[in-house]
């Protein structure tokens, strides 16, 4: 009789462990998917370029590493390059 209870207890522990491992794996996949979606938004890049004084700012090129915004500055055509990361850090103006 005791061996039946012991086997049932072990089965319950194995089931609980498998369920916990499945939940951890699923949450890890959600986390990695959200990291890929965190990039420099083209709207944010254009807004930052306009705040820097670039008129008629528009997206010229987007690559996995950078976002290029072109427009007209004080002395004529100008280009601003942002890193394709959250917050759009400035690479070159």
C-alpha atoms as a PDB file:
ATOM      1  CA  UNK A   1       0.000   0.000   0.000  1.00  0.00           C
ATOM      2  CA  UNK A   2       2.837   2.378   0.819  1.00  0.00           C
ATOM      3  CA  UNK A   3       4.511   1.729  -2.531  1.00  0.00           C
ATOM      4  CA  UNK A   4       1.358   2.842  -4.389  1.00  0.00           C
ATOM      5  CA  UNK A   5       1.375   6.180  -2.540  1.00  0.00           C
ATOM      6  CA  UNK A   6       5.112   6.567  -3.156  1.00  0.00           C
ATOM      7  CA  UNK A   7       4.689   5.913  -6.891  1.00  0.00           C
ATOM      8  CA  UNK A   8       1.767   8.384  -7.069  1.00  0.00           C
ATOM      9  CA  UNK A   9       3.840  11.016  -5.273  1.00  0.00           C
ATOM     10  CA  UNK A  10       6.784  10.542  -7.624  1.00  0.00           C
ATOM     11  CA  UNK A  11       4.468  10.744 -10.651  1.00  0.00           C
ATOM     12  CA  UNK A  12       2.998  13.992  -9.309  1.00  0.00           C
ATOM     13  CA  UNK A  13       6.480  15.485  -8.827  1.00  0.00           C
ATOM     14  CA  UNK A  14       7.547  14.507 -12.350  1.00  0.00           C
ATOM     15  CA  UNK A  15       4.362  16.044 -13.800  1.00  0.00           C
ATOM     16  CA  UNK A  16       4.875  19.251 -11.838  1.00  0.00           C
ATOM     17  CA  UNK A  17       8.506  19.501 -12.982  1.00  0.00           C
ATOM     18  CA  UNK A  18       7.560  18.977 -16.617  1.00  0.00           C
ATOM     19  CA  UNK A  19       4.878  21.656 -16.377  1.00  0.00           C
ATOM     20  CA  UNK A  20       7.328  24.147 -14.846  1.00  0.00           C
ATOM     21  CA  UNK A  21       9.901  23.467 -17.588  1.00  0.00           C
ATOM     22  CA  UNK A  22       7.262  24.026 -20.284  1.00  0.00           C
ATOM     23  CA  UNK A  23       6.219  27.353 -18.767  1.00  0.00           C
ATOM     24  CA  UNK A  24       9.845  28.541 -18.567  1.00  0.00           C
ATOM     25  CA  UNK A  25      10.479  27.593 -22.195  1.00  0.00           C
ATOM     26  CA  UNK A  26       7.357  29.393 -23.373  1.00  0.00           C
ATOM     27  CA  UNK A  27       8.226  32.556 -21.472  1.00  0.00           C
ATOM     28  CA  UNK A  28      11.776  32.513 -22.849  1.00  0.00           C
ATOM     29  CA  UNK A  29      10.414  32.462 -26.394  1.00  0.00           C
ATOM     30  CA  UNK A  30       8.182  35.445 -25.658  1.00  0.00           C
ATOM     31  CA  UNK A  31      11.123  37.378 -24.263  1.00  0.00           C
ATOM     32  CA  UNK A  32      13.347  36.807 -27.282  1.00  0.00           C
ATOM     33  CA  UNK A  33      10.556  37.812 -29.677  1.00  0.00           C
ATOM     34  CA  UNK A  34      10.088  41.121 -27.872  1.00  0.00           C
ATOM     35  CA  UNK A  35      13.818  41.887 -28.119  1.00  0.00           C
ATOM     36  CA  UNK A  36      13.695  41.655 -31.910  1.00  0.00           C
ATOM     37  CA  UNK A  37      10.795  44.072 -32.118  1.00  0.00           C
ATOM     38  CA  UNK A  38      12.676  46.760 -30.186  1.00  0.00           C
ATOM     39  CA  UNK A  39      14.277  48.823 -32.937  1.00  0.00           C
ATOM     40  CA  UNK A  40      14.507  52.481 -33.922  1.00  0.00           C
ATOM     41  CA  UNK A  41      11.102  53.506 -35.204  1.00  0.00           C
ATOM     42  CA  UNK A  42      11.224  55.484 -38.488  1.00  0.00           C
ATOM     43  CA  UNK A  43       8.766  57.984 -36.987  1.00  0.00           C
ATOM     44  CA  UNK A  44      11.065  58.526 -33.996  1.00  0.00           C
ATOM     45  CA  UNK A  45      14.087  58.964 -36.274  1.00  0.00           C
ATOM     46  CA  UNK A  46      12.313  61.616 -38.380  1.00  0.00           C
ATOM     47  CA  UNK A  47      11.102  63.431 -35.250  1.00  0.00           C
ATOM     48  CA  UNK A  48      14.631  63.490 -33.802  1.00  0.00           C
ATOM     49  CA  UNK A  49      16.047  64.782 -37.103  1.00  0.00           C
ATOM     50  CA  UNK A  50      13.440  67.568 -37.199  1.00  0.00           C
ATOM     51  CA  UNK A  51      14.291  68.467 -33.596  1.00  0.00           C
ATOM     52  CA  UNK A  52      17.939  68.759 -34.704  1.00  0.00           C
ATOM     53  CA  UNK A  53      16.888  71.370 -37.298  1.00  0.00           C
ATOM     54  CA  UNK A  54      16.437  69.242 -40.405  1.00  0.00           C
ATOM     55  CA  UNK A  55      13.519  70.451 -42.552  1.00  0.00           C
ATOM     56  CA  UNK A  56      11.581  68.210 -44.944  1.00  0.00           C
ATOM     57  CA  UNK A  57      13.074  65.197 -43.141  1.00  0.00           C
ATOM     58  CA  UNK A  58      12.327  61.791 -44.626  1.00  0.00           C
ATOM     59  CA  UNK A  59      13.682  58.245 -44.356  1.00  0.00           C
ATOM     60  CA  UNK A  60      16.292  57.551 -47.013  1.00  0.00           C
ATOM     61  CA  UNK A  61      17.429  54.059 -45.989  1.00  0.00           C
ATOM     62  CA  UNK A  62      16.873  51.496 -43.222  1.00  0.00           C
ATOM     63  CA  UNK A  63      19.304  48.630 -42.577  1.00  0.00           C
ATOM     64  CA  UNK A  64      19.576  46.248 -39.626  1.00  0.00           C
ATOM     65  CA  UNK A  65      22.233  48.547 -38.122  1.00  0.00           C
ATOM     66  CA  UNK A  66      21.233  52.096 -39.078  1.00  0.00           C
ATOM     67  CA  UNK A  67      18.448  54.443 -40.125  1.00  0.00           C
ATOM     68  CA  UNK A  68      19.358  57.246 -42.542  1.00  0.00           C
ATOM     69  CA  UNK A  69      17.229  60.422 -42.576  1.00  0.00           C
ATOM     70  CA  UNK A  70      17.717  63.092 -45.238  1.00  0.00           C
ATOM     71  CA  UNK A  71      16.402  66.623 -45.425  1.00  0.00           C
ATOM     72  CA  UNK A  72      17.418  70.252 -45.739  1.00  0.00           C
ATOM     73  CA  UNK A  73      19.556  71.925 -43.082  1.00  0.00           C
ATOM     74  CA  UNK A  74      20.832  75.498 -42.744  1.00  0.00           C
ATOM     75  CA  UNK A  75      23.448  75.076 -45.454  1.00  0.00           C
ATOM     76  CA  UNK A  76      21.540  72.866 -47.891  1.00  0.00           C
ATOM     77  CA  UNK A  77      20.897  69.127 -48.139  1.00  0.00           C
ATOM     78  CA  UNK A  78      21.930  67.180 -45.076  1.00  0.00           C
ATOM     79  CA  UNK A  79      21.893  63.606 -43.803  1.00  0.00           C
ATOM     80  CA  UNK A  80      21.561  62.250 -40.255  1.00  0.00           C
ATOM     81  CA  UNK A  81      22.356  58.627 -39.368  1.00  0.00           C
ATOM     82  CA  UNK A  82      20.848  56.915 -36.320  1.00  0.00           C
ATOM     83  CA  UNK A  83      21.631  53.481 -34.887  1.00  0.00           C
ATOM     84  CA  UNK A  84      18.796  51.005 -35.401  1.00  0.00           C
ATOM     85  CA  UNK A  85      18.383  50.470 -31.651  1.00  0.00           C
ATOM     86  CA  UNK A  86      15.759  51.570 -29.138  1.00  0.00           C
ATOM     87  CA  UNK A  87      15.883  55.338 -28.642  1.00  0.00           C
ATOM     88  CA  UNK A  88      17.592  55.929 -32.013  1.00  0.00           C
ATOM     89  CA  UNK A  89      21.050  57.008 -30.778  1.00  0.00           C
ATOM     90  CA  UNK A  90      22.858  59.377 -33.124  1.00  0.00           C
ATOM     91  CA  UNK A  91      25.747  57.930 -35.136  1.00  0.00           C
ATOM     92  CA  UNK A  92      26.559  60.823 -37.484  1.00  0.00           C
ATOM     93  CA  UNK A  93      25.017  64.154 -38.403  1.00  0.00           C
END
